[in-house]
Amino acid sequence: MIKPPALCPGDVIGIVAPASDIKPERLAAGARELERLGFRVKFLPSIFAREMYLAGSDRRRAEELMAIFGDPEVKAIFAARGGYGSVRLLPYLDEEIVRAHPKIFMGYSDITTLLVYFQQRFQWVVFHGPMVAREFADGPEHYDEELLRRTLMRAEPIGEIDTSGVAVLSPGVATGRLTGGCLPLLVSTLGTPYEFDATDAILFLEDYASKPYQVDRMLTQLRDAGKFHTVRGLVFGEMTECLQHPDQDYTIVDVIQDRLADLNVPILFGVRSGHSDYRNQVLPFGVRATLDGYRAKLIIEEAATSEP
C-alpha cells in the first residue's frame, strides 16, 4: 500500500464536497477548528454550489476533487460532509491526475465510496474519520484529537486505539488488513466495477439510523455475496439510532449476533468511528491491524503515513 506523507504543523488541508451540499457557516466553523489545530485550510469558491441534494453538478464536484489533489500546496484532503453523491463522481475523475498525487484523504458515510475507490484502484492508505462541516465544526469533544495527531502526523506504528466501552460479541484474535466503512455504501458496491474487497480483512462496519431489519438485510446480502468467507475479524461502530422503536425487546447487537455468530471470527462492537457523536476516531484503511476479541482491543500494527 502507498502511504501518504504525514502532516506537519502549518500544512494546508484542502476541503472538498464530493457529496451533499454544505452550509457556509458549518464549513467556516470546521475551518476554524482546523486552524486551532495548527493547520491552514483551502477550498474552492464553488464548494457552496447546490443542485437539488448535491454540492453542485457531478462534473463540478469531480473537477474540485482533481484540482485539490493536483494542488502542490495541499498536503491532505478532508471531506466537508457526506450525504449522497460520491459514486456519481467516479466516471468523471481523471485517474492519472489523482494517482500522481497521493495525499491523506479522510471522511466517512457517503465518502466510503471514495475510500474504497482510492484503496483498490490506487493501493492507497486512506482514512475513515471526522469531517469538516460535521465533527470539526462541532468542536474538540466530537473527535479524538490525540488519535488524529498520532495517525496523521507521525510516520510510526499507531498502536492501540481507545476501545473503552467496546463489547466483545465473539472471542478470538486475528490480524489482517483493516478496511470497511459505512455499511449501506459497502453493500451498494456489490455487482459494480467498484465492489469492495474483504479478503483477509479486519472489516469495519458502521451505520446510522438504519432499522434492525435493514441491517439484517444488508448483513445477509454481504454474507450471500461471500464477503464474510475470508474475513479474519469484524469490528462494528456504534450503529447509532439503529432501532425500530424505543420499546423494542431486542437490540442491534442481538441482530448482529443472530446473523454472524457462526462465522467463528472475533467480533467487536462499539468502536467510535463514523457516525459517532463523541470523540470520533480516525481509522486508517489499508494497514495491518490486530483484533483481540478476548481483551476488546484493536491495535494498528503499522504506520499509516510516510515521512513528510
C-alpha atoms as a PDB file:
ATOM      1  CA  MET A   1       0.000   0.000   0.000  1.00  0.00           C
ATOM      2  CA  ILE A   2       1.104   3.562  -0.738  1.00  0.00           C
ATOM      3  CA  LYS A   3       1.220   5.636   2.433  1.00  0.00           C
ATOM      4  CA  PRO A   4       0.720   9.397   2.020  1.00  0.00           C
ATOM      5  CA  PRO A   5       3.172  11.810   3.634  1.00  0.00           C
ATOM      6  CA  ALA A   6       2.389  12.724   7.246  1.00  0.00           C
ATOM      7  CA  LEU A   7       1.054  16.157   8.079  1.00  0.00           C
ATOM      8  CA  CYS A   8       3.246  18.817   9.700  1.00  0.00           C
ATOM      9  CA  PRO A   9       2.158  21.921  11.668  1.00  0.00           C
ATOM     10  CA  GLY A  10       1.226  24.700   9.290  1.00  0.00           C
ATOM     11  CA  ASP A  11       0.390  22.380   6.397  1.00  0.00           C
ATOM     12  CA  VAL A  12      -2.559  23.170   4.140  1.00  0.00           C
ATOM     13  CA  ILE A  13      -5.638  20.948   4.334  1.00  0.00           C
ATOM     14  CA  GLY A  14      -7.870  21.053   1.278  1.00  0.00           C
ATOM     15  CA  ILE A  15     -11.606  20.766   1.871  1.00  0.00           C
ATOM     16  CA  VAL A  16     -13.867  19.149  -0.720  1.00  0.00           C
ATOM     17  CA  ALA A  17     -17.610  18.482  -1.021  1.00  0.00           C
ATOM     18  CA  PRO A  18     -17.960  15.303  -3.108  1.00  0.00           C
ATOM     19  CA  ALA A  19     -21.491  14.530  -1.939  1.00  0.00           C
ATOM     20  CA  SER A  20     -24.317  16.663  -0.484  1.00  0.00           C
ATOM     21  CA  ASP A  21     -24.431  20.442  -0.323  1.00  0.00           C
ATOM     22  CA  ILE A  22     -22.990  22.244   2.692  1.00  0.00           C
ATOM     23  CA  LYS A  23     -23.857  25.261   4.805  1.00  0.00           C
ATOM     24  CA  PRO A  24     -21.259  28.079   4.723  1.00  0.00           C
ATOM     25  CA  GLU A  25     -21.464  28.613   8.483  1.00  0.00           C
ATOM     26  CA  ARG A  26     -20.738  24.947   9.177  1.00  0.00           C
ATOM     27  CA  LEU A  27     -17.742  24.950   6.858  1.00  0.00           C
ATOM     28  CA  ALA A  28     -16.444  28.136   8.489  1.00  0.00           C
ATOM     29  CA  ALA A  29     -16.742  26.609  11.968  1.00  0.00           C
ATOM     30  CA  GLY A  30     -14.896  23.481  10.884  1.00  0.00           C
ATOM     31  CA  ALA A  31     -12.177  25.520   9.200  1.00  0.00           C
ATOM     32  CA  ARG A  32     -11.636  27.491  12.413  1.00  0.00           C
ATOM     33  CA  GLU A  33     -11.193  24.256  14.330  1.00  0.00           C
ATOM     34  CA  LEU A  34      -8.588  23.008  11.856  1.00  0.00           C
ATOM     35  CA  GLU A  35      -6.776  26.318  12.226  1.00  0.00           C
ATOM     36  CA  ARG A  36      -6.867  25.891  16.004  1.00  0.00           C
ATOM     37  CA  LEU A  37      -5.115  22.558  15.469  1.00  0.00           C
ATOM     38  CA  GLY A  38      -2.319  24.419  13.682  1.00  0.00           C
ATOM     39  CA  PHE A  39      -3.237  23.865  10.035  1.00  0.00           C
ATOM     40  CA  ARG A  40      -4.205  26.149   7.194  1.00  0.00           C
ATOM     41  CA  VAL A  41      -7.246  25.451   5.047  1.00  0.00           C
ATOM     42  CA  LYS A  42      -8.061  25.855   1.393  1.00  0.00           C
ATOM     43  CA  PHE A  43     -11.187  25.240  -0.673  1.00  0.00           C
ATOM     44  CA  LEU A  44     -12.624  26.348  -3.995  1.00  0.00           C
ATOM     45  CA  PRO A  45     -15.331  29.064  -4.085  1.00  0.00           C
ATOM     46  CA  SER A  46     -17.541  26.612  -5.964  1.00  0.00           C
ATOM     47  CA  ILE A  47     -17.765  24.371  -2.899  1.00  0.00           C
ATOM     48  CA  PHE A  48     -21.034  26.113  -1.940  1.00  0.00           C
ATOM     49  CA  ALA A  49     -22.755  25.179  -5.206  1.00  0.00           C
ATOM     50  CA  ARG A  50     -26.024  23.259  -4.964  1.00  0.00           C
ATOM     51  CA  GLU A  51     -28.067  21.137  -7.339  1.00  0.00           C
ATOM     52  CA  MET A  52     -31.007  19.536  -5.550  1.00  0.00           C
ATOM     53  CA  TYR A  53     -29.362  17.482  -2.777  1.00  0.00           C
ATOM     54  CA  LEU A  54     -25.821  17.661  -4.200  1.00  0.00           C
ATOM     55  CA  ALA A  55     -22.947  20.119  -3.830  1.00  0.00           C
ATOM     56  CA  GLY A  56     -23.252  21.141  -7.471  1.00  0.00           C
ATOM     57  CA  SER A  57     -23.056  19.060 -10.617  1.00  0.00           C
ATOM     58  CA  ASP A  58     -21.177  15.793 -10.845  1.00  0.00           C
ATOM     59  CA  ARG A  59     -18.616  17.441 -13.071  1.00  0.00           C
ATOM     60  CA  ARG A  60     -18.109  20.348 -10.640  1.00  0.00           C
ATOM     61  CA  ARG A  61     -17.519  18.017  -7.725  1.00  0.00           C
ATOM     62  CA  ALA A  62     -15.154  15.825  -9.758  1.00  0.00           C
ATOM     63  CA  GLU A  63     -13.202  18.847 -11.009  1.00  0.00           C
ATOM     64  CA  GLU A  64     -12.948  20.158  -7.446  1.00  0.00           C
ATOM     65  CA  LEU A  65     -11.528  16.851  -6.255  1.00  0.00           C
ATOM     66  CA  MET A  66      -8.971  16.710  -9.082  1.00  0.00           C
ATOM     67  CA  ALA A  67      -7.969  20.340  -8.558  1.00  0.00           C
ATOM     68  CA  ILE A  68      -7.363  19.853  -4.836  1.00  0.00           C
ATOM     69  CA  PHE A  69      -5.405  16.646  -5.428  1.00  0.00           C
ATOM     70  CA  GLY A  70      -3.302  18.415  -8.056  1.00  0.00           C
ATOM     71  CA  ASP A  71      -2.615  21.476  -5.882  1.00  0.00           C
ATOM     72  CA  PRO A  72       1.005  21.176  -4.653  1.00  0.00           C
ATOM     73  CA  GLU A  73       0.246  23.392  -1.645  1.00  0.00           C
ATOM     74  CA  VAL A  74      -2.391  20.967  -0.292  1.00  0.00           C
ATOM     75  CA  LYS A  75      -0.954  18.183   1.868  1.00  0.00           C
ATOM     76  CA  ALA A  76      -4.187  16.471   2.966  1.00  0.00           C
ATOM     77  CA  ILE A  77      -7.812  16.416   1.830  1.00  0.00           C
ATOM     78  CA  PHE A  78     -10.755  16.293   4.241  1.00  0.00           C
ATOM     79  CA  ALA A  79     -14.361  15.886   3.132  1.00  0.00           C
ATOM     80  CA  ALA A  80     -16.755  18.600   4.275  1.00  0.00           C
ATOM     81  CA  ARG A  81     -19.620  16.140   4.810  1.00  0.00           C
ATOM     82  CA  GLY A  82     -21.257  13.016   3.445  1.00  0.00           C
ATOM     83  CA  GLY A  83     -24.880  12.675   2.431  1.00  0.00           C
ATOM     84  CA  TYR A  84     -25.062  11.332  -1.126  1.00  0.00           C
ATOM     85  CA  GLY A  85     -23.302  11.719  -4.443  1.00  0.00           C
ATOM     86  CA  SER A  86     -19.716  10.442  -4.266  1.00  0.00           C
ATOM     87  CA  VAL A  87     -20.441   7.468  -6.523  1.00  0.00           C
ATOM     88  CA  ARG A  88     -21.626   9.802  -9.279  1.00  0.00           C
ATOM     89  CA  LEU A  89     -18.155  11.414  -9.481  1.00  0.00           C
ATOM     90  CA  LEU A  90     -16.250   8.303 -10.433  1.00  0.00           C
ATOM     91  CA  PRO A  91     -16.862   8.388 -14.208  1.00  0.00           C
ATOM     92  CA  TYR A  92     -15.610  11.993 -14.321  1.00  0.00           C
ATOM     93  CA  LEU A  93     -12.319  11.513 -12.473  1.00  0.00           C
ATOM     94  CA  ASP A  94      -9.067  11.651 -14.402  1.00  0.00           C
ATOM     95  CA  GLU A  95      -7.308   8.749 -12.728  1.00  0.00           C
ATOM     96  CA  GLU A  96      -3.850   9.843 -13.817  1.00  0.00           C
ATOM     97  CA  ILE A  97      -4.230  13.252 -12.160  1.00  0.00           C
ATOM     98  CA  VAL A  98      -5.362  11.727  -8.880  1.00  0.00           C
ATOM     99  CA  ARG A  99      -2.960   8.770  -8.938  1.00  0.00           C
ATOM    100  CA  ALA A 100       0.035  11.083  -9.336  1.00  0.00           C
ATOM    101  CA  HIS A 101      -0.707  12.912  -6.077  1.00  0.00           C
ATOM    102  CA  PRO A 102      -1.190  10.512  -3.138  1.00  0.00           C
ATOM    103  CA  LYS A 103      -2.334  12.517  -0.127  1.00  0.00           C
ATOM    104  CA  ILE A 104      -4.122  11.919   3.132  1.00  0.00           C
ATOM    105  CA  PHE A 105      -7.811  11.606   2.254  1.00  0.00           C
ATOM    106  CA  MET A 106     -10.365  11.462   5.076  1.00  0.00           C
ATOM    107  CA  GLY A 107     -14.130  11.187   5.504  1.00  0.00           C
ATOM    108  CA  TYR A 108     -16.876   8.680   6.250  1.00  0.00           C
ATOM    109  CA  SER A 109     -20.529   7.903   5.455  1.00  0.00           C
ATOM    110  CA  ASP A 110     -21.065   8.540   1.714  1.00  0.00           C
ATOM    111  CA  ILE A 111     -17.311   9.160   1.407  1.00  0.00           C
ATOM    112  CA  THR A 112     -16.908   5.398   1.903  1.00  0.00           C
ATOM    113  CA  THR A 113     -17.297   5.128  -1.883  1.00  0.00           C
ATOM    114  CA  LEU A 114     -14.144   7.181  -2.419  1.00  0.00           C
ATOM    115  CA  LEU A 115     -12.253   5.415   0.372  1.00  0.00           C
ATOM    116  CA  VAL A 116     -12.894   2.083  -1.353  1.00  0.00           C
ATOM    117  CA  TYR A 117     -12.045   3.527  -4.776  1.00  0.00           C
ATOM    118  CA  PHE A 118      -8.702   5.026  -3.710  1.00  0.00           C
ATOM    119  CA  GLN A 119      -7.704   1.910  -1.767  1.00  0.00           C
ATOM    120  CA  GLN A 120      -8.449  -0.536  -4.543  1.00  0.00           C
ATOM    121  CA  ARG A 121      -7.689   1.481  -7.673  1.00  0.00           C
ATOM    122  CA  PHE A 122      -4.505   3.187  -6.437  1.00  0.00           C
ATOM    123  CA  GLN A 123      -3.440   0.992  -3.479  1.00  0.00           C
ATOM    124  CA  TRP A 124      -3.540   3.978  -1.129  1.00  0.00           C
ATOM    125  CA  VAL A 125      -3.919   4.001   2.622  1.00  0.00           C
ATOM    126  CA  VAL A 126      -6.994   6.149   3.336  1.00  0.00           C
ATOM    127  CA  PHE A 127      -8.667   7.439   6.492  1.00  0.00           C
ATOM    128  CA  HIS A 128     -12.148   6.830   7.903  1.00  0.00           C
ATOM    129  CA  GLY A 129     -12.620   9.780  10.217  1.00  0.00           C
ATOM    130  CA  PRO A 130     -14.175  13.131  11.138  1.00  0.00           C
ATOM    131  CA  MET A 131     -15.369  15.645   8.558  1.00  0.00           C
ATOM    132  CA  VAL A 132     -15.029  19.406   8.428  1.00  0.00           C
ATOM    133  CA  ALA A 133     -18.669  20.551   8.477  1.00  0.00           C
ATOM    134  CA  ARG A 134     -19.576  17.808  10.962  1.00  0.00           C
ATOM    135  CA  GLU A 135     -17.258  16.860  13.842  1.00  0.00           C
ATOM    136  CA  PHE A 136     -14.690  19.630  13.360  1.00  0.00           C
ATOM    137  CA  ALA A 137     -17.489  22.198  13.201  1.00  0.00           C
ATOM    138  CA  ASP A 138     -18.986  20.818  16.426  1.00  0.00           C
ATOM    139  CA  GLY A 139     -15.771  21.202  18.376  1.00  0.00           C
ATOM    140  CA  PRO A 140     -12.977  19.184  20.009  1.00  0.00           C
ATOM    141  CA  GLU A 141     -15.193  16.918  22.113  1.00  0.00           C
ATOM    142  CA  HIS A 142     -16.633  15.460  18.910  1.00  0.00           C
ATOM    143  CA  TYR A 143     -13.403  13.905  17.636  1.00  0.00           C
ATOM    144  CA  ASP A 144     -10.355  12.209  19.156  1.00  0.00           C
ATOM    145  CA  GLU A 145      -7.647  14.834  18.734  1.00  0.00           C
ATOM    146  CA  GLU A 146      -4.866  12.709  20.216  1.00  0.00           C
ATOM    147  CA  LEU A 147      -5.574   9.816  17.840  1.00  0.00           C
ATOM    148  CA  LEU A 148      -5.920  12.231  14.913  1.00  0.00           C
ATOM    149  CA  ARG A 149      -2.448  13.621  15.551  1.00  0.00           C
ATOM    150  CA  ARG A 150      -0.951  10.178  16.192  1.00  0.00           C
ATOM    151  CA  THR A 151      -2.405   8.802  12.961  1.00  0.00           C
ATOM    152  CA  LEU A 152      -1.923  11.710  10.552  1.00  0.00           C
ATOM    153  CA  MET A 153       1.211  13.400  11.904  1.00  0.00           C
ATOM    154  CA  ARG A 154       3.528  10.536  12.910  1.00  0.00           C
ATOM    155  CA  ALA A 155       5.080   8.059  10.497  1.00  0.00           C
ATOM    156  CA  GLU A 156       5.245   5.336  13.128  1.00  0.00           C
ATOM    157  CA  PRO A 157       3.053   2.421  14.255  1.00  0.00           C
ATOM    158  CA  ILE A 158      -0.188   3.740  15.729  1.00  0.00           C
ATOM    159  CA  GLY A 159      -0.765   1.013  18.302  1.00  0.00           C
ATOM    160  CA  GLU A 160      -3.907   0.554  20.375  1.00  0.00           C
ATOM    161  CA  ILE A 161      -6.871   2.807  19.875  1.00  0.00           C
ATOM    162  CA  ASP A 162      -9.195   3.674  22.744  1.00  0.00           C
ATOM    163  CA  THR A 163     -11.778   0.895  22.962  1.00  0.00           C
ATOM    164  CA  SER A 164     -13.338   1.829  26.284  1.00  0.00           C
ATOM    165  CA  GLY A 165     -16.985   0.739  26.232  1.00  0.00           C
ATOM    166  CA  VAL A 166     -16.457  -1.646  23.316  1.00  0.00           C
ATOM    167  CA  ALA A 167     -18.171  -5.039  23.657  1.00  0.00           C
ATOM    168  CA  VAL A 168     -16.885  -8.442  22.570  1.00  0.00           C
ATOM    169  CA  LEU A 169     -19.514 -10.268  20.518  1.00  0.00           C
ATOM    170  CA  SER A 170     -17.245 -13.168  19.575  1.00  0.00           C
ATOM    171  CA  PRO A 171     -13.819 -14.030  21.074  1.00  0.00           C
ATOM    172  CA  GLY A 172     -10.571 -14.798  19.316  1.00  0.00           C
ATOM    173  CA  VAL A 173      -7.536 -12.990  17.924  1.00  0.00           C
ATOM    174  CA  ALA A 174      -6.953 -12.125  14.276  1.00  0.00           C
ATOM    175  CA  THR A 175      -4.588  -9.987  12.222  1.00  0.00           C
ATOM    176  CA  GLY A 176      -5.420  -8.635   8.792  1.00  0.00           C
ATOM    177  CA  ARG A 177      -5.829  -5.572   6.600  1.00  0.00           C
ATOM    178  CA  LEU A 178      -8.150  -3.017   8.181  1.00  0.00           C
ATOM    179  CA  THR A 179     -10.803  -1.822   5.742  1.00  0.00           C
ATOM    180  CA  GLY A 180     -14.540  -1.148   5.533  1.00  0.00           C
ATOM    181  CA  GLY A 181     -16.771   1.861   6.065  1.00  0.00           C
ATOM    182  CA  CYS A 182     -20.455   2.695   6.129  1.00  0.00           C
ATOM    183  CA  LEU A 183     -22.485  -0.500   5.741  1.00  0.00           C
ATOM    184  CA  PRO A 184     -25.078   0.686   3.153  1.00  0.00           C
ATOM    185  CA  LEU A 185     -22.345   2.201   0.979  1.00  0.00           C
ATOM    186  CA  LEU A 186     -20.317  -1.006   1.029  1.00  0.00           C
ATOM    187  CA  VAL A 187     -23.413  -3.007   0.084  1.00  0.00           C
ATOM    188  CA  SER A 188     -24.079  -0.582  -2.786  1.00  0.00           C
ATOM    189  CA  THR A 189     -20.746  -1.506  -4.402  1.00  0.00           C
ATOM    190  CA  LEU A 190     -21.764  -5.141  -4.916  1.00  0.00           C
ATOM    191  CA  GLY A 191     -22.038  -6.103  -8.560  1.00  0.00           C
ATOM    192  CA  THR A 192     -20.372  -2.883  -9.755  1.00  0.00           C
ATOM    193  CA  PRO A 193     -16.838  -2.228 -11.052  1.00  0.00           C
ATOM    194  CA  TYR A 194     -16.136  -0.663  -7.640  1.00  0.00           C
ATOM    195  CA  GLU A 195     -17.052  -3.674  -5.494  1.00  0.00           C
ATOM    196  CA  PHE A 196     -15.132  -3.711  -2.216  1.00  0.00           C
ATOM    197  CA  ASP A 197     -12.666  -6.476  -1.393  1.00  0.00           C
ATOM    198  CA  ALA A 198     -12.820  -8.073   2.062  1.00  0.00           C
ATOM    199  CA  THR A 199     -10.178 -10.764   1.511  1.00  0.00           C
ATOM    200  CA  ASP A 200      -8.088 -11.339   4.667  1.00  0.00           C
ATOM    201  CA  ALA A 201      -9.614  -8.208   6.180  1.00  0.00           C
ATOM    202  CA  ILE A 202     -10.359  -6.909   9.605  1.00  0.00           C
ATOM    203  CA  LEU A 203     -13.639  -5.491   8.324  1.00  0.00           C
ATOM    204  CA  PHE A 204     -15.076  -2.368   9.963  1.00  0.00           C
ATOM    205  CA  LEU A 205     -18.815  -1.766   9.517  1.00  0.00           C
ATOM    206  CA  GLU A 206     -20.885   1.145  10.800  1.00  0.00           C
ATOM    207  CA  ASP A 207     -24.192   2.831  10.084  1.00  0.00           C
ATOM    208  CA  TYR A 208     -26.655   5.426  11.315  1.00  0.00           C
ATOM    209  CA  ALA A 209     -30.442   5.183  11.729  1.00  0.00           C
ATOM    210  CA  SER A 210     -30.974   2.007   9.721  1.00  0.00           C
ATOM    211  CA  LYS A 211     -33.706  -0.126  11.241  1.00  0.00           C
ATOM    212  CA  PRO A 212     -32.646  -3.519  12.612  1.00  0.00           C
ATOM    213  CA  TYR A 213     -34.334  -5.442   9.813  1.00  0.00           C
ATOM    214  CA  GLN A 214     -32.461  -3.276   7.294  1.00  0.00           C
ATOM    215  CA  VAL A 215     -29.160  -4.058   8.995  1.00  0.00           C
ATOM    216  CA  ASP A 216     -30.161  -7.751   8.937  1.00  0.00           C
ATOM    217  CA  ARG A 217     -30.866  -7.491   5.199  1.00  0.00           C
ATOM    218  CA  MET A 218     -27.541  -5.822   4.464  1.00  0.00           C
ATOM    219  CA  LEU A 219     -25.533  -8.297   6.526  1.00  0.00           C
ATOM    220  CA  THR A 220     -27.401 -11.144   4.833  1.00  0.00           C
ATOM    221  CA  GLN A 221     -26.616  -9.689   1.411  1.00  0.00           C
ATOM    222  CA  LEU A 222     -22.918  -9.408   2.266  1.00  0.00           C
ATOM    223  CA  ARG A 223     -22.998 -12.959   3.549  1.00  0.00           C
ATOM    224  CA  ASP A 224     -24.711 -14.266   0.419  1.00  0.00           C
ATOM    225  CA  ALA A 225     -22.199 -12.354  -1.725  1.00  0.00           C
ATOM    226  CA  GLY A 226     -19.356 -14.218   0.017  1.00  0.00           C
ATOM    227  CA  LYS A 227     -17.890 -11.159   1.704  1.00  0.00           C
ATOM    228  CA  PHE A 228     -17.566 -12.897   5.080  1.00  0.00           C
ATOM    229  CA  HIS A 229     -15.938 -16.059   3.707  1.00  0.00           C
ATOM    230  CA  THR A 230     -12.391 -14.773   4.035  1.00  0.00           C
ATOM    231  CA  VAL A 231     -12.628 -12.000   6.640  1.00  0.00           C
ATOM    232  CA  ARG A 232     -10.385 -12.522   9.635  1.00  0.00           C
ATOM    233  CA  GLY A 233     -12.386 -10.395  12.049  1.00  0.00           C
ATOM    234  CA  LEU A 234     -15.231  -7.879  12.250  1.00  0.00           C
ATOM    235  CA  VAL A 235     -15.413  -4.538  14.037  1.00  0.00           C
ATOM    236  CA  PHE A 236     -18.685  -2.639  14.298  1.00  0.00           C
ATOM    237  CA  GLY A 237     -19.143   1.034  15.008  1.00  0.00           C
ATOM    238  CA  GLU A 238     -21.701   2.299  17.473  1.00  0.00           C
ATOM    239  CA  MET A 239     -24.571   1.782  14.992  1.00  0.00           C
ATOM    240  CA  THR A 240     -26.208   4.946  16.354  1.00  0.00           C
ATOM    241  CA  GLU A 241     -30.016   5.130  16.232  1.00  0.00           C
ATOM    242  CA  CYS A 242     -30.273   1.706  14.592  1.00  0.00           C
ATOM    243  CA  LEU A 243     -33.547   0.717  16.217  1.00  0.00           C
ATOM    244  CA  GLN A 244     -37.138   0.091  15.186  1.00  0.00           C
ATOM    245  CA  HIS A 245     -38.701   1.887  18.156  1.00  0.00           C
ATOM    246  CA  PRO A 246     -37.635   2.715  21.726  1.00  0.00           C
ATOM    247  CA  ASP A 247     -39.610  -0.144  23.286  1.00  0.00           C
ATOM    248  CA  GLN A 248     -38.404  -2.996  21.085  1.00  0.00           C
ATOM    249  CA  ASP A 249     -37.451  -6.137  23.018  1.00  0.00           C
ATOM    250  CA  TYR A 250     -34.176  -6.760  21.162  1.00  0.00           C
ATOM    251  CA  THR A 251     -31.068  -4.745  20.321  1.00  0.00           C
ATOM    252  CA  ILE A 252     -28.993  -4.185  17.219  1.00  0.00           C
ATOM    253  CA  VAL A 253     -26.350  -6.354  18.902  1.00  0.00           C
ATOM    254  CA  ASP A 254     -28.876  -9.210  19.017  1.00  0.00           C
ATOM    255  CA  VAL A 255     -29.409  -8.805  15.270  1.00  0.00           C
ATOM    256  CA  ILE A 256     -25.668  -8.856  14.541  1.00  0.00           C
ATOM    257  CA  GLN A 257     -25.103 -11.934  16.687  1.00  0.00           C
ATOM    258  CA  ASP A 258     -28.038 -13.722  15.085  1.00  0.00           C
ATOM    259  CA  ARG A 259     -26.597 -13.202  11.596  1.00  0.00           C
ATOM    260  CA  LEU A 260     -22.862 -13.561  12.259  1.00  0.00           C
ATOM    261  CA  ALA A 261     -22.183 -15.617  15.402  1.00  0.00           C
ATOM    262  CA  ASP A 262     -21.426 -18.743  13.390  1.00  0.00           C
ATOM    263  CA  LEU A 263     -18.606 -17.116  11.422  1.00  0.00           C
ATOM    264  CA  ASN A 264     -16.107 -18.136  14.116  1.00  0.00           C
ATOM    265  CA  VAL A 265     -14.085 -14.925  13.848  1.00  0.00           C
ATOM    266  CA  PRO A 266     -13.536 -12.305  16.564  1.00  0.00           C
ATOM    267  CA  ILE A 267     -16.181  -9.563  16.547  1.00  0.00           C
ATOM    268  CA  LEU A 268     -16.137  -6.261  18.450  1.00  0.00           C
ATOM    269  CA  PHE A 269     -18.993  -3.768  18.751  1.00  0.00           C
ATOM    270  CA  GLY A 270     -18.953  -0.057  19.577  1.00  0.00           C
ATOM    271  CA  VAL A 271     -15.782   1.491  18.112  1.00  0.00           C
ATOM    272  CA  ARG A 272     -16.314   5.237  17.814  1.00  0.00           C
ATOM    273  CA  SER A 273     -15.622   5.911  14.135  1.00  0.00           C
ATOM    274  CA  GLY A 274     -18.015   7.302  11.560  1.00  0.00           C
ATOM    275  CA  HIS A 275     -21.479   8.232  12.804  1.00  0.00           C
ATOM    276  CA  SER A 276     -20.398   8.829  16.383  1.00  0.00           C
ATOM    277  CA  ASP A 277     -21.305  11.904  18.381  1.00  0.00           C
ATOM    278  CA  TYR A 278     -18.411  11.736  20.841  1.00  0.00           C
ATOM    279  CA  ARG A 279     -14.656  11.595  20.151  1.00  0.00           C
ATOM    280  CA  ASN A 280     -14.956  10.291  16.612  1.00  0.00           C
ATOM    281  CA  GLN A 281     -11.871   8.199  15.883  1.00  0.00           C
ATOM    282  CA  VAL A 282      -9.705   8.067  12.768  1.00  0.00           C
ATOM    283  CA  LEU A 283      -9.233   4.553  11.405  1.00  0.00           C
ATOM    284  CA  PRO A 284      -6.591   4.077   8.686  1.00  0.00           C
ATOM    285  CA  PHE A 285      -7.763   1.651   5.997  1.00  0.00           C
ATOM    286  CA  GLY A 286      -5.209  -0.443   4.157  1.00  0.00           C
ATOM    287  CA  VAL A 287      -2.836  -1.084   7.066  1.00  0.00           C
ATOM    288  CA  ARG A 288      -2.274  -4.190   9.173  1.00  0.00           C
ATOM    289  CA  ALA A 289      -4.313  -4.401  12.366  1.00  0.00           C
ATOM    290  CA  THR A 290      -4.897  -6.935  15.126  1.00  0.00           C
ATOM    291  CA  LEU A 291      -8.310  -7.514  16.639  1.00  0.00           C
ATOM    292  CA  ASP A 292      -8.118  -9.030  20.119  1.00  0.00           C
ATOM    293  CA  GLY A 293     -11.530 -10.458  20.904  1.00  0.00           C
ATOM    294  CA  TYR A 294     -10.503 -11.503  24.393  1.00  0.00           C
ATOM    295  CA  ARG A 295      -9.372  -8.093  25.621  1.00  0.00           C
ATOM    296  CA  ALA A 296     -11.673  -5.981  23.387  1.00  0.00           C
ATOM    297  CA  LYS A 297      -8.682  -4.331  21.728  1.00  0.00           C
ATOM    298  CA  LEU A 298      -7.985  -3.003  18.234  1.00  0.00           C
ATOM    299  CA  ILE A 299      -4.279  -2.481  17.550  1.00  0.00           C
ATOM    300  CA  ILE A 300      -2.986  -0.733  14.424  1.00  0.00           C
ATOM    301  CA  GLU A 301       0.278  -2.556  13.828  1.00  0.00           C
ATOM    302  CA  GLU A 302       1.942  -0.157  11.401  1.00  0.00           C
ATOM    303  CA  ALA A 303       2.237   3.481  10.458  1.00  0.00           C
ATOM    304  CA  ALA A 304      -0.487   4.900   8.204  1.00  0.00           C
ATOM    305  CA  THR A 305       1.706   7.671   6.777  1.00  0.00           C
ATOM    306  CA  SER A 306       5.227   8.047   5.427  1.00  0.00           C
ATOM    307  CA  GLU A 307       7.854  10.591   6.354  1.00  0.00           C
ATOM    308  CA  PRO A 308       6.885  14.036   5.000  1.00  0.00           C
END
